[in-house]
Amino acid sequence: MLTKKISAFLYCLSLLSLPLVHAKAEDPLNVFACEPEWAALATQLGGDRLSIYSATSAKQDPHHIQARPSLIAKARQAELLICTGAELEIGWLPILLRKAGNGNIMPGQPGHFSAADHVQLLEQATRLDRSMGDVHAAGNPHFHLDPYRIKQIALGLSKTLREIDPVYQTHYQHQLTLFIQRFDSSIAKWEALAKPLQGKKIVVHHDTWVYLEQWLNFDKVATLEAKSGIPPSSTHLSQVLEKMRATQADFIIHTDYQNDRAARWLSEKTNIPVISLSSSVANGEDIFQWFDGLINALLETTP
C-alpha cells in the first residue's frame, strides 16, 4: 500500500516537470496578469485566444495588494501567469501562489512569465538595507514605461504563448507581427510629439518614472520621497522646495494612486504645475491609448 502511494506521489511530481500545453484547443487560454499593462500586452499578442484577468488596476499600487480569495480562485484556474517580477509583487504574489496551489504557474514552470527576465533593469542595488526604504535589489521594476522594453517583453511573451498553446502558433506569430509594426510606428509618433519635452526639469513623487525619464530625456532634479516608499517629511520637502527654486523645475509628476498633498503644497509655493499620470493602462484603454495619454498629459503643460 505504501509503495503504491509513493509511486502515485512520484507520478504527480513528474507531471509538474512536463511542459505545460493548453489542454483543449477550442477553449481560450486562461491568463492571470499581475498588472494591467501585461493584460493589455497579452490582449495585443493573443486576441480572442486568451481569457485575461488582471489582478490590479491602474488606480492601485502594485507593491501593496492583498491575496484576496477572488485572486486566489483566478490564479488557481490560470494556465499562464504574467507578472513584472524584480520583486515588485514580493509582498503578495508568493502568498497567492502558495494558496492557489497551481503547479503550472509556479516560478520555473512554463506558465510563469516574469517580464523582468527579458529586459535590462536600471538602478540595480549594489548595497541593500532597510534604512534605504523600499528598494528593489534586482533594479527598478517600472520598466513598462519604456516602449522599447515593452517590445522586448512582447517577443518573449509571444514565444511563451506559442509554447503553451502550440496549435495556435501561427495566430500568435501573426499577432506579434501586427503589434510590432504598429508599435514601431507609434514610437516614432510619440518621440516626434515629445521633442518639446526633452531636457525638461522634473520633480517626481516616487522613482516610478526612471524609464520614462530616460526615454524622453528628462532631467530629474528632486524626488518627494527621501527614501523609496517612505512618505516625505516636512524637512525633506523644504529641501526639495529650495532645489526646485534653484533649478527652475518645469513640473511635478505623481501617479493616480499616490497622495498628492505634498505635490500640491510644492506647486502652491512655486507655481509649478502638477501632472497626474496614470502609471498603467486604465480600464477600457489599450496600450497605445495609454502611451498617447502619457505624452498628451505632459505636453499640456509645455508652452
Foldseek 3Di string as FASTA:
>chain_A
DVVVVVVVVVVVVVVLPDAAADDDLVAAAQEEEAEQQVVLLCCLLPPPSHDYDYPDFLQDQSQDDALDPVVLVSVLRHQAYEYQDLCSNVVHPVVSCVSSVRSCQDPPHLRPHHLPVQDQAAPQDPDDDCVQPPARNRHQSLQSLALVSVLSSSVVVLVSCCRHHVVCNVSSVVSNVVVVVVSVVLLVVLQVLLQLVAAAEEEEAAPNCPNVCVSSNYHYQYYQDPHHPDHHDPVSLVVVLVSCVVVVHQAYEYENNDDCPSVVVSCVVRVHYYQYARSHAHPPDHPSVNSVVVSVSVCVSGD
